[in-house]
C-alpha cells in the first residue's frame, strides 16, 4: 500500500506528445507551399510534356509532394490533359509513375 499523499512517479509520461508536437514543428519548417502556376506556365508545361512524348526526349520533372519539391528525370509515356494525369518512366528504376498534372511545377527537356 502506498503512503498517503504520495503519487506514483511516471517519468516522461508526456514525452511522446511533446516529441510528436516538436517533430511536427520541425517538419513544417522544412515544408514549402505549392506554388500557384499561371495559365501560361501550365500551358508551357503541357506543351513541353507533349513535345517530350512525341520526340521521346528525356525531361526534368519538378513536382510538389507532401510539402517538398522533387525533381526527377525520365521519359513521358502518356499525357491526358483533360484527365489531369500523365505517365512517366523514371530514369533510375525505370518504373512507371502515374502523376497528376496539377502536381507539376516545372518540366524541362534534358
PDB file of N, CA and C in Angstrom:
ATOM      1  N   UNK A   1       0.829  -1.187   0.000  1.00  0.00           N
ATOM      2  CA  UNK A   1       0.000   0.000   0.000  1.00  0.00           C
ATOM      3  C   UNK A   1       0.869   1.244   0.000  1.00  0.00           C
ATOM      4  N   UNK A   2       0.459   2.252  -0.805  1.00  0.00           N
ATOM      5  CA  UNK A   2       1.248   3.479  -0.902  1.00  0.00           C
ATOM      6  C   UNK A   2       0.971   4.407   0.268  1.00  0.00           C
ATOM      7  N   UNK A   3       2.010   5.062   0.734  1.00  0.00           N
ATOM      8  CA  UNK A   3       1.799   6.061   1.787  1.00  0.00           C
ATOM      9  C   UNK A   3       0.886   7.174   1.268  1.00  0.00           C
ATOM     10  N   UNK A   4       0.067   7.735   2.184  1.00  0.00           N
ATOM     11  CA  UNK A   4      -0.854   8.797   1.756  1.00  0.00           C
ATOM     12  C   UNK A   4      -0.088  10.013   1.248  1.00  0.00           C
ATOM     13  N   UNK A   5      -0.671  10.654   0.240  1.00  0.00           N
ATOM     14  CA  UNK A   5      -0.073  11.885  -0.256  1.00  0.00           C
ATOM     15  C   UNK A   5       1.031  11.655  -1.284  1.00  0.00           C
ATOM     16  N   UNK A   6       1.434  10.419  -1.479  1.00  0.00           N
ATOM     17  CA  UNK A   6       2.467  10.166  -2.487  1.00  0.00           C
ATOM     18  C   UNK A   6       1.815   9.748  -3.789  1.00  0.00           C
ATOM     19  N   UNK A   7       2.295  10.360  -4.860  1.00  0.00           N
ATOM     20  CA  UNK A   7       1.777   9.968  -6.171  1.00  0.00           C
ATOM     21  C   UNK A   7       2.789   9.048  -6.832  1.00  0.00           C
ATOM     22  N   UNK A   8       2.268   8.169  -7.628  1.00  0.00           N
ATOM     23  CA  UNK A   8       3.177   7.320  -8.389  1.00  0.00           C
ATOM     24  C   UNK A   8       3.929   8.218  -9.364  1.00  0.00           C
ATOM     25  N   UNK A   9       5.217   8.046  -9.389  1.00  0.00           N
ATOM     26  CA  UNK A   9       6.025   8.876 -10.283  1.00  0.00           C
ATOM     27  C   UNK A   9       6.029   8.243 -11.668  1.00  0.00           C
ATOM     28  N   UNK A  10       5.573   9.010 -12.638  1.00  0.00           N
ATOM     29  CA  UNK A  10       5.550   8.485 -14.008  1.00  0.00           C
ATOM     30  C   UNK A  10       6.515   9.301 -14.855  1.00  0.00           C
ATOM     31  N   UNK A  11       7.745   8.856 -14.966  1.00  0.00           N
ATOM     32  CA  UNK A  11       8.724   9.632 -15.720  1.00  0.00           C
ATOM     33  C   UNK A  11       8.340   9.736 -17.191  1.00  0.00           C
ATOM     34  N   UNK A  12       8.467  10.922 -17.728  1.00  0.00           N
ATOM     35  CA  UNK A  12       8.291  11.181 -19.162  1.00  0.00           C
ATOM     36  C   UNK A  12       6.932  10.754 -19.697  1.00  0.00           C
ATOM     37  N   UNK A  13       5.926  10.848 -18.865  1.00  0.00           N
ATOM     38  CA  UNK A  13       4.593  10.439 -19.316  1.00  0.00           C
ATOM     39  C   UNK A  13       4.127  11.286 -20.493  1.00  0.00           C
ATOM     40  N   UNK A  14       4.534  12.550 -20.504  1.00  0.00           N
ATOM     41  CA  UNK A  14       4.066  13.420 -21.585  1.00  0.00           C
ATOM     42  C   UNK A  14       5.072  13.512 -22.725  1.00  0.00           C
ATOM     43  N   UNK A  15       6.184  12.850 -22.618  1.00  0.00           N
ATOM     44  CA  UNK A  15       7.212  12.949 -23.649  1.00  0.00           C
ATOM     45  C   UNK A  15       6.727  12.642 -25.065  1.00  0.00           C
ATOM     46  N   UNK A  16       6.043  11.525 -25.285  1.00  0.00           N
ATOM     47  CA  UNK A  16       5.649  11.228 -26.668  1.00  0.00           C
ATOM     48  C   UNK A  16       4.871  12.371 -27.316  1.00  0.00           C
ATOM     49  N   UNK A  17       3.896  12.933 -26.601  1.00  0.00           N
ATOM     50  CA  UNK A  17       3.105  14.017 -27.196  1.00  0.00           C
ATOM     51  C   UNK A  17       3.982  15.226 -27.493  1.00  0.00           C
ATOM     52  N   UNK A  18       4.849  15.549 -26.539  1.00  0.00           N
ATOM     53  CA  UNK A  18       5.738  16.689 -26.759  1.00  0.00           C
ATOM     54  C   UNK A  18       6.640  16.429 -27.944  1.00  0.00           C
ATOM     55  N   UNK A  19       7.118  15.223 -28.042  1.00  0.00           N
ATOM     56  CA  UNK A  19       8.024  14.867 -29.128  1.00  0.00           C
ATOM     57  C   UNK A  19       7.309  14.967 -30.471  1.00  0.00           C
ATOM     58  N   UNK A  20       6.084  14.431 -30.511  1.00  0.00           N
ATOM     59  CA  UNK A  20       5.295  14.485 -31.741  1.00  0.00           C
ATOM     60  C   UNK A  20       5.064  15.941 -32.143  1.00  0.00           C
ATOM     61  N   UNK A  21       4.690  16.769 -31.171  1.00  0.00           N
ATOM     62  CA  UNK A  21       4.466  18.187 -31.443  1.00  0.00           C
ATOM     63  C   UNK A  21       5.713  18.860 -31.972  1.00  0.00           C
ATOM     64  N   UNK A  22       6.845  18.541 -31.365  1.00  0.00           N
ATOM     65  CA  UNK A  22       8.119  19.110 -31.796  1.00  0.00           C
ATOM     66  C   UNK A  22       8.464  18.664 -33.203  1.00  0.00           C
ATOM     67  N   UNK A  23       8.237  17.384 -33.454  1.00  0.00           N
ATOM     68  CA  UNK A  23       8.530  16.821 -34.770  1.00  0.00           C
ATOM     69  C   UNK A  23       7.684  17.520 -35.836  1.00  0.00           C
ATOM     70  N   UNK A  24       6.424  17.795 -35.518  1.00  0.00           N
ATOM     71  CA  UNK A  24       5.544  18.498 -36.461  1.00  0.00           C
ATOM     72  C   UNK A  24       6.071  19.887 -36.764  1.00  0.00           C
ATOM     73  N   UNK A  25       6.545  20.573 -35.735  1.00  0.00           N
ATOM     74  CA  UNK A  25       7.085  21.919 -35.921  1.00  0.00           C
ATOM     75  C   UNK A  25       8.319  21.867 -36.827  1.00  0.00           C
ATOM     76  N   UNK A  26       9.192  20.901 -36.564  1.00  0.00           N
ATOM     77  CA  UNK A  26      10.401  20.750 -37.378  1.00  0.00           C
ATOM     78  C   UNK A  26      10.017  20.460 -38.829  1.00  0.00           C
ATOM     79  N   UNK A  27       9.083  19.544 -39.031  1.00  0.00           N
ATOM     80  CA  UNK A  27       8.656  19.197 -40.384  1.00  0.00           C
ATOM     81  C   UNK A  27       8.052  20.391 -41.113  1.00  0.00           C
ATOM     82  N   UNK A  28       7.263  21.186 -40.391  1.00  0.00           N
ATOM     83  CA  UNK A  28       6.615  22.328 -41.018  1.00  0.00           C
ATOM     84  C   UNK A  28       7.634  23.372 -41.477  1.00  0.00           C
ATOM     85  N   UNK A  29       8.744  23.476 -40.769  1.00  0.00           N
ATOM     86  CA  UNK A  29       9.775  24.437 -41.158  1.00  0.00           C
ATOM     87  C   UNK A  29      10.404  24.064 -42.489  1.00  0.00           C
ATOM     88  N   UNK A  30      10.505  22.769 -42.730  1.00  0.00           N
ATOM     89  CA  UNK A  30      11.119  22.277 -43.959  1.00  0.00           C
ATOM     90  C   UNK A  30      10.131  22.361 -45.122  1.00  0.00           C
ATOM     91  N   UNK A  31       8.850  22.261 -44.802  1.00  0.00           N
ATOM     92  CA  UNK A  31       7.820  22.249 -45.837  1.00  0.00           C
ATOM     93  C   UNK A  31       7.747  23.565 -46.598  1.00  0.00           C
ATOM     94  N   UNK A  32       7.443  23.440 -47.872  1.00  0.00           N
ATOM     95  CA  UNK A  32       7.188  24.614 -48.693  1.00  0.00           C
ATOM     96  C   UNK A  32       5.768  24.500 -49.220  1.00  0.00           C
ATOM     97  N   UNK A  33       5.162  25.621 -49.534  1.00  0.00           N
ATOM     98  CA  UNK A  33       3.810  25.564 -50.068  1.00  0.00           C
ATOM     99  C   UNK A  33       3.872  25.375 -51.578  1.00  0.00           C
ATOM    100  N   UNK A  34       2.853  24.755 -52.100  1.00  0.00           N
ATOM    101  CA  UNK A  34       2.802  24.515 -53.543  1.00  0.00           C
ATOM    102  C   UNK A  34       2.561  25.831 -54.257  1.00  0.00           C
ATOM    103  N   UNK A  35       3.428  26.156 -55.207  1.00  0.00           N
ATOM    104  CA  UNK A  35       3.238  27.417 -55.918  1.00  0.00           C
ATOM    105  C   UNK A  35       2.006  27.360 -56.824  1.00  0.00           C
ATOM    106  N   UNK A  36       1.363  28.478 -56.990  1.00  0.00           N
ATOM    107  CA  UNK A  36       0.223  28.549 -57.901  1.00  0.00           C
ATOM    108  C   UNK A  36       0.755  28.992 -59.255  1.00  0.00           C
ATOM    109  N   UNK A  37       0.561  28.139 -60.249  1.00  0.00           N
ATOM    110  CA  UNK A  37       1.072  28.439 -61.582  1.00  0.00           C
ATOM    111  C   UNK A  37       0.079  29.290 -62.367  1.00  0.00           C
ATOM    112  N   UNK A  38       0.620  30.134 -63.225  1.00  0.00           N
ATOM    113  CA  UNK A  38      -0.239  30.932 -64.095  1.00  0.00           C
ATOM    114  C   UNK A  38      -0.733  30.039 -65.234  1.00  0.00           C
ATOM    115  N   UNK A  39      -1.741  30.497 -65.920  1.00  0.00           N
ATOM    116  CA  UNK A  39      -2.291  29.781 -67.073  1.00  0.00           C
ATOM    117  C   UNK A  39      -1.181  29.541 -68.103  1.00  0.00           C
ATOM    118  N   UNK A  40      -0.351  30.549 -68.272  1.00  0.00           N
ATOM    119  CA  UNK A  40       0.754  30.479 -69.238  1.00  0.00           C
ATOM    120  C   UNK A  40       1.771  29.395 -68.857  1.00  0.00           C
ATOM    121  N   UNK A  41       2.098  29.331 -67.569  1.00  0.00           N
ATOM    122  CA  UNK A  41       3.048  28.316 -67.092  1.00  0.00           C
ATOM    123  C   UNK A  41       2.481  26.911 -67.279  1.00  0.00           C
ATOM    124  N   UNK A  42       1.176  26.775 -66.998  1.00  0.00           N
ATOM    125  CA  UNK A  42       0.540  25.460 -67.155  1.00  0.00           C
ATOM    126  C   UNK A  42       0.521  25.039 -68.620  1.00  0.00           C
ATOM    127  N   UNK A  43       0.263  25.982 -69.502  1.00  0.00           N
ATOM    128  CA  UNK A  43       0.272  25.686 -70.942  1.00  0.00           C
ATOM    129  C   UNK A  43       1.662  25.272 -71.389  1.00  0.00           C
ATOM    130  N   UNK A  44       2.667  25.961 -70.879  1.00  0.00           N
ATOM    131  CA  UNK A  44       4.064  25.656 -71.226  1.00  0.00           C
ATOM    132  C   UNK A  44       4.441  24.253 -70.768  1.00  0.00           C
ATOM    133  N   UNK A  45       4.023  23.897 -69.572  1.00  0.00           N
ATOM    134  CA  UNK A  45       4.287  22.553 -69.033  1.00  0.00           C
ATOM    135  C   UNK A  45       3.626  21.504 -69.925  1.00  0.00           C
ATOM    136  N   UNK A  46       2.374  21.741 -70.263  1.00  0.00           N
ATOM    137  CA  UNK A  46       1.625  20.824 -71.121  1.00  0.00           C
ATOM    138  C   UNK A  46       2.307  20.661 -72.476  1.00  0.00           C
ATOM    139  N   UNK A  47       2.712  21.782 -73.043  1.00  0.00           N
ATOM    140  CA  UNK A  47       3.372  21.795 -74.350  1.00  0.00           C
ATOM    141  C   UNK A  47       4.676  20.986 -74.299  1.00  0.00           C
ATOM    142  N   UNK A  48       5.458  21.214 -73.250  1.00  0.00           N
ATOM    143  CA  UNK A  48       6.739  20.509 -73.092  1.00  0.00           C
ATOM    144  C   UNK A  48       6.521  19.012 -72.904  1.00  0.00           C
ATOM    145  N   UNK A  49       5.505  18.645 -72.116  1.00  0.00           N
ATOM    146  CA  UNK A  49       5.191  17.226 -71.908  1.00  0.00           C
ATOM    147  C   UNK A  49       4.846  16.546 -73.231  1.00  0.00           C
ATOM    148  N   UNK A  50       4.001  17.205 -74.015  1.00  0.00           N
ATOM    149  CA  UNK A  50       3.567  16.622 -75.286  1.00  0.00           C
ATOM    150  C   UNK A  50       4.732  16.539 -76.275  1.00  0.00           C
ATOM    151  N   UNK A  51       5.572  17.575 -76.268  1.00  0.00           N
ATOM    152  CA  UNK A  51       6.763  17.562 -77.130  1.00  0.00           C
ATOM    153  C   UNK A  51       7.682  16.397 -76.733  1.00  0.00           C
ATOM    154  N   UNK A  52       7.901  16.238 -75.435  1.00  0.00           N
ATOM    155  CA  UNK A  52       8.762  15.155 -74.933  1.00  0.00           C
ATOM    156  C   UNK A  52       8.175  13.787 -75.268  1.00  0.00           C
ATOM    157  N   UNK A  53       6.856  13.699 -75.215  1.00  0.00           N
ATOM    158  CA  UNK A  53       6.170  12.449 -75.536  1.00  0.00           C
ATOM    159  C   UNK A  53       6.404  12.072 -77.006  1.00  0.00           C
ATOM    160  N   UNK A  54       6.241  13.052 -77.887  1.00  0.00           N
ATOM    161  CA  UNK A  54       6.353  12.773 -79.326  1.00  0.00           C
ATOM    162  C   UNK A  54       7.787  12.615 -79.810  1.00  0.00           C
ATOM    163  N   UNK A  55       8.727  13.285 -79.155  1.00  0.00           N
ATOM    164  CA  UNK A  55      10.124  13.197 -79.591  1.00  0.00           C
ATOM    165  C   UNK A  55      10.912  12.175 -78.778  1.00  0.00           C
ATOM    166  N   UNK A  56      10.266  11.630 -77.749  1.00  0.00           N
ATOM    167  CA  UNK A  56      10.892  10.679 -76.830  1.00  0.00           C
ATOM    168  C   UNK A  56      12.169  11.244 -76.200  1.00  0.00           C
ATOM    169  N   UNK A  57      12.115  12.525 -75.875  1.00  0.00           N
ATOM    170  CA  UNK A  57      13.255  13.172 -75.216  1.00  0.00           C
ATOM    171  C   UNK A  57      13.113  13.050 -73.711  1.00  0.00           C
ATOM    172  N   UNK A  58      14.266  12.975 -73.061  1.00  0.00           N
ATOM    173  CA  UNK A  58      14.291  12.914 -71.606  1.00  0.00           C
ATOM    174  C   UNK A  58      13.907  14.281 -71.040  1.00  0.00           C
ATOM    175  N   UNK A  59      13.190  14.255 -69.910  1.00  0.00           N
ATOM    176  CA  UNK A  59      12.789  15.508 -69.268  1.00  0.00           C
ATOM    177  C   UNK A  59      13.211  15.544 -67.804  1.00  0.00           C
ATOM    178  N   UNK A  60      13.347  16.774 -67.300  1.00  0.00           N
ATOM    179  CA  UNK A  60      13.479  17.016 -65.867  1.00  0.00           C
ATOM    180  C   UNK A  60      12.098  17.415 -65.383  1.00  0.00           C
ATOM    181  N   UNK A  61      11.529  16.635 -64.495  1.00  0.00           N
ATOM    182  CA  UNK A  61      10.210  16.938 -63.937  1.00  0.00           C
ATOM    183  C   UNK A  61      10.386  17.438 -62.518  1.00  0.00           C
ATOM    184  N   UNK A  62       9.800  18.569 -62.218  1.00  0.00           N
ATOM    185  CA  UNK A  62       9.791  19.029 -60.835  1.00  0.00           C
ATOM    186  C   UNK A  62       8.341  19.049 -60.394  1.00  0.00           C
ATOM    187  N   UNK A  63       8.073  18.345 -59.304  1.00  0.00           N
ATOM    188  CA  UNK A  63       6.699  18.280 -58.824  1.00  0.00           C
ATOM    189  C   UNK A  63       6.647  18.500 -57.324  1.00  0.00           C
ATOM    190  N   UNK A  64       5.444  18.750 -56.859  1.00  0.00           N
ATOM    191  CA  UNK A  64       5.205  19.047 -55.456  1.00  0.00           C
ATOM    192  C   UNK A  64       4.620  17.820 -54.784  1.00  0.00           C
ATOM    193  N   UNK A  65       5.221  17.403 -53.685  1.00  0.00           N
ATOM    194  CA  UNK A  65       4.676  16.256 -52.952  1.00  0.00           C
ATOM    195  C   UNK A  65       4.938  16.439 -51.460  1.00  0.00           C
ATOM    196  N   UNK A  66       3.892  16.418 -50.686  1.00  0.00           N
ATOM    197  CA  UNK A  66       3.957  16.488 -49.220  1.00  0.00           C
ATOM    198  C   UNK A  66       4.907  17.566 -48.719  1.00  0.00           C
ATOM    199  N   UNK A  67       4.715  18.763 -49.242  1.00  0.00           N
ATOM    200  CA  UNK A  67       5.472  19.905 -48.741  1.00  0.00           C
ATOM    201  C   UNK A  67       6.887  20.029 -49.271  1.00  0.00           C
ATOM    202  N   UNK A  68       7.214  19.290 -50.310  1.00  0.00           N
ATOM    203  CA  UNK A  68       8.560  19.380 -50.865  1.00  0.00           C
ATOM    204  C   UNK A  68       8.543  19.405 -52.383  1.00  0.00           C
ATOM    205  N   UNK A  69       9.594  20.011 -52.949  1.00  0.00           N
ATOM    206  CA  UNK A  69       9.789  19.982 -54.393  1.00  0.00           C
ATOM    207  C   UNK A  69      10.710  18.811 -54.701  1.00  0.00           C
ATOM    208  N   UNK A  70      10.312  17.999 -55.646  1.00  0.00           N
ATOM    209  CA  UNK A  70      11.114  16.841 -56.018  1.00  0.00           C
ATOM    210  C   UNK A  70      11.379  16.920 -57.514  1.00  0.00           C
ATOM    211  N   UNK A  71      12.629  16.717 -57.906  1.00  0.00           N
ATOM    212  CA  UNK A  71      12.969  16.721 -59.328  1.00  0.00           C
ATOM    213  C   UNK A  71      13.473  15.351 -59.728  1.00  0.00           C
ATOM    214  N   UNK A  72      12.915  14.843 -60.812  1.00  0.00           N
ATOM    215  CA  UNK A  72      13.330  13.542 -61.333  1.00  0.00           C
ATOM    216  C   UNK A  72      13.536  13.654 -62.831  1.00  0.00           C
ATOM    217  N   UNK A  73      14.323  12.744 -63.373  1.00  0.00           N
ATOM    218  CA  UNK A  73      14.474  12.700 -64.822  1.00  0.00           C
ATOM    219  C   UNK A  73      13.826  11.428 -65.334  1.00  0.00           C
ATOM    220  N   UNK A  74      13.271  11.524 -66.533  1.00  0.00           N
ATOM    221  CA  UNK A  74      12.629  10.353 -67.101  1.00  0.00           C
ATOM    222  C   UNK A  74      12.039  10.650 -68.459  1.00  0.00           C
ATOM    223  N   UNK A  75      11.242   9.724 -68.926  1.00  0.00           N
ATOM    224  CA  UNK A  75      10.604   9.843 -70.235  1.00  0.00           C
ATOM    225  C   UNK A  75       9.095   9.842 -70.080  1.00  0.00           C
ATOM    226  N   UNK A  76       8.445  10.691 -70.828  1.00  0.00           N
ATOM    227  CA  UNK A  76       6.984  10.775 -70.788  1.00  0.00           C
ATOM    228  C   UNK A  76       6.414   9.661 -71.657  1.00  0.00           C
ATOM    229  N   UNK A  77       5.466   8.921 -71.099  1.00  0.00           N
ATOM    230  CA  UNK A  77       4.877   7.807 -71.842  1.00  0.00           C
ATOM    231  C   UNK A  77       3.438   8.100 -72.285  1.00  0.00           C
ATOM    232  N   UNK A  78       2.767   8.957 -71.515  1.00  0.00           N
ATOM    233  CA  UNK A  78       1.347   9.196 -71.781  1.00  0.00           C
ATOM    234  C   UNK A  78       0.960  10.530 -71.161  1.00  0.00           C
ATOM    235  N   UNK A  79       0.150  11.312 -71.886  1.00  0.00           N
ATOM    236  CA  UNK A  79      -0.348  12.582 -71.347  1.00  0.00           C
ATOM    237  C   UNK A  79      -1.851  12.651 -71.595  1.00  0.00           C
ATOM    238  N   UNK A  80      -2.604  12.931 -70.536  1.00  0.00           N
ATOM    239  CA  UNK A  80      -4.045  13.130 -70.647  1.00  0.00           C
ATOM    240  C   UNK A  80      -4.374  14.465 -69.986  1.00  0.00           C
ATOM    241  N   UNK A  81      -4.380  15.523 -70.799  1.00  0.00           N
ATOM    242  CA  UNK A  81      -4.600  16.873 -70.270  1.00  0.00           C
ATOM    243  C   UNK A  81      -5.963  17.018 -69.624  1.00  0.00           C
ATOM    244  N   UNK A  82      -6.982  16.437 -70.249  1.00  0.00           N
ATOM    245  CA  UNK A  82      -8.336  16.557 -69.707  1.00  0.00           C
ATOM    246  C   UNK A  82      -8.493  15.778 -68.415  1.00  0.00           C
ATOM    247  N   UNK A  83      -7.852  14.625 -68.350  1.00  0.00           N
ATOM    248  CA  UNK A  83      -7.943  13.786 -67.158  1.00  0.00           C
ATOM    249  C   UNK A  83      -6.956  14.186 -66.075  1.00  0.00           C
ATOM    250  N   UNK A  84      -6.182  15.243 -66.335  1.00  0.00           N
ATOM    251  CA  UNK A  84      -5.219  15.779 -65.366  1.00  0.00           C
ATOM    252  C   UNK A  84      -4.200  14.724 -64.931  1.00  0.00           C
ATOM    253  N   UNK A  85      -3.728  13.896 -65.865  1.00  0.00           N
ATOM    254  CA  UNK A  85      -2.687  12.958 -65.474  1.00  0.00           C
ATOM    255  C   UNK A  85      -1.720  12.673 -66.607  1.00  0.00           C
ATOM    256  N   UNK A  86      -0.571  12.179 -66.228  1.00  0.00           N
ATOM    257  CA  UNK A  86       0.417  11.753 -67.199  1.00  0.00           C
ATOM    258  C   UNK A  86       1.205  10.607 -66.592  1.00  0.00           C
ATOM    259  N   UNK A  87       1.879   9.873 -67.462  1.00  0.00           N
ATOM    260  CA  UNK A  87       2.688   8.753 -67.000  1.00  0.00           C
ATOM    261  C   UNK A  87       4.113   8.986 -67.474  1.00  0.00           C
ATOM    262  N   UNK A  88       5.058   8.865 -66.544  1.00  0.00           N
ATOM    263  CA  UNK A  88       6.452   8.945 -66.959  1.00  0.00           C
ATOM    264  C   UNK A  88       7.227   7.773 -66.397  1.00  0.00           C
ATOM    265  N   UNK A  89       8.287   7.419 -67.111  1.00  0.00           N
ATOM    266  CA  UNK A  89       9.140   6.325 -66.681  1.00  0.00           C
ATOM    267  C   UNK A  89      10.416   6.951 -66.155  1.00  0.00           C
ATOM    268  N   UNK A  90      10.673   6.747 -64.863  1.00  0.00           N
ATOM    269  CA  UNK A  90      11.842   7.403 -64.290  1.00  0.00           C
ATOM    270  C   UNK A  90      13.134   6.730 -64.742  1.00  0.00           C
ATOM    271  N   UNK A  91      14.158   7.532 -64.771  1.00  0.00           N
ATOM    272  CA  UNK A  91      15.470   7.146 -65.259  1.00  0.00           C
ATOM    273  C   UNK A  91      16.155   6.106 -64.390  1.00  0.00           C
ATOM    274  N   UNK A  92      15.968   6.235 -63.087  1.00  0.00           N
ATOM    275  CA  UNK A  92      16.727   5.421 -62.149  1.00  0.00           C
ATOM    276  C   UNK A  92      16.229   3.982 -62.091  1.00  0.00           C
ATOM    277  N   UNK A  93      14.936   3.820 -61.799  1.00  0.00           N
ATOM    278  CA  UNK A  93      14.400   2.466 -61.611  1.00  0.00           C
ATOM    279  C   UNK A  93      13.610   1.966 -62.808  1.00  0.00           C
ATOM    280  N   UNK A  94      13.429   2.854 -63.788  1.00  0.00           N
ATOM    281  CA  UNK A  94      12.626   2.545 -64.976  1.00  0.00           C
ATOM    282  C   UNK A  94      11.227   2.073 -64.595  1.00  0.00           C
ATOM    283  N   UNK A  95      10.687   2.718 -63.581  1.00  0.00           N
ATOM    284  CA  UNK A  95       9.339   2.404 -63.132  1.00  0.00           C
ATOM    285  C   UNK A  95       8.342   3.366 -63.752  1.00  0.00           C
ATOM    286  N   UNK A  96       7.138   2.867 -63.983  1.00  0.00           N
ATOM    287  CA  UNK A  96       6.055   3.729 -64.469  1.00  0.00           C
ATOM    288  C   UNK A  96       5.497   4.510 -63.298  1.00  0.00           C
ATOM    289  N   UNK A  97       5.394   5.796 -63.459  1.00  0.00           N
ATOM    290  CA  UNK A  97       4.811   6.642 -62.419  1.00  0.00           C
ATOM    291  C   UNK A  97       3.618   7.382 -62.992  1.00  0.00           C
ATOM    292  N   UNK A  98       2.472   7.198 -62.373  1.00  0.00           N
ATOM    293  CA  UNK A  98       1.280   7.926 -62.785  1.00  0.00           C
ATOM    294  C   UNK A  98       1.178   9.143 -61.882  1.00  0.00           C
ATOM    295  N   UNK A  99       1.086  10.320 -62.486  1.00  0.00           N
ATOM    296  CA  UNK A  99       1.033  11.537 -61.689  1.00  0.00           C
ATOM    297  C   UNK A  99      -0.014  12.498 -62.208  1.00  0.00           C
ATOM    298  N   UNK A 100      -0.419  13.400 -61.324  1.00  0.00           N
ATOM    299  CA  UNK A 100      -1.360  14.445 -61.713  1.00  0.00           C
ATOM    300  C   UNK A 100      -0.604  15.611 -62.319  1.00  0.00           C
ATOM    301  N   UNK A 101      -1.163  16.163 -63.376  1.00  0.00           N
ATOM    302  CA  UNK A 101      -0.563  17.348 -63.992  1.00  0.00           C
ATOM    303  C   UNK A 101      -0.513  18.495 -62.989  1.00  0.00           C
ATOM    304  N   UNK A 102      -1.515  18.548 -62.107  1.00  0.00           N
ATOM    305  CA  UNK A 102      -1.608  19.642 -61.144  1.00  0.00           C
ATOM    306  C   UNK A 102      -0.496  19.611 -60.089  1.00  0.00           C
ATOM    307  N   UNK A 103       0.215  18.488 -59.979  1.00  0.00           N
ATOM    308  CA  UNK A 103       1.326  18.405 -59.021  1.00  0.00           C
ATOM    309  C   UNK A 103       2.619  18.957 -59.612  1.00  0.00           C
ATOM    310  N   UNK A 104       2.642  19.134 -60.941  1.00  0.00           N
ATOM    311  CA  UNK A 104       3.848  19.597 -61.611  1.00  0.00           C
ATOM    312  C   UNK A 104       4.110  21.068 -61.368  1.00  0.00           C
ATOM    313  N   UNK A 105       5.374  21.394 -61.181  1.00  0.00           N
ATOM    314  CA  UNK A 105       5.794  22.779 -61.010  1.00  0.00           C
ATOM    315  C   UNK A 105       6.562  23.229 -62.229  1.00  0.00           C
ATOM    316  N   UNK A 106       7.357  22.292 -62.782  1.00  0.00           N
ATOM    317  CA  UNK A 106       8.202  22.640 -63.916  1.00  0.00           C
ATOM    318  C   UNK A 106       8.575  21.403 -64.704  1.00  0.00           C
ATOM    319  N   UNK A 107       8.686  21.555 -66.014  1.00  0.00           N
ATOM    320  CA  UNK A 107       9.148  20.476 -66.885  1.00  0.00           C
ATOM    321  C   UNK A 107      10.127  21.086 -67.884  1.00  0.00           C
ATOM    322  N   UNK A 108      11.281  20.483 -68.001  1.00  0.00           N
ATOM    323  CA  UNK A 108      12.274  20.963 -68.967  1.00  0.00           C
ATOM    324  C   UNK A 108      12.839  19.783 -69.722  1.00  0.00           C
ATOM    325  N   UNK A 109      13.095  20.000 -71.005  1.00  0.00           N
ATOM    326  CA  UNK A 109      13.733  18.971 -71.792  1.00  0.00           C
ATOM    327  C   UNK A 109      15.186  18.832 -71.336  1.00  0.00           C
ATOM    328  N   UNK A 110      15.631  17.608 -71.202  1.00  0.00           N
ATOM    329  CA  UNK A 110      17.012  17.381 -70.708  1.00  0.00           C
ATOM    330  C   UNK A 110      18.015  17.585 -71.842  1.00  0.00           C
TER     331      UNK A 110
END
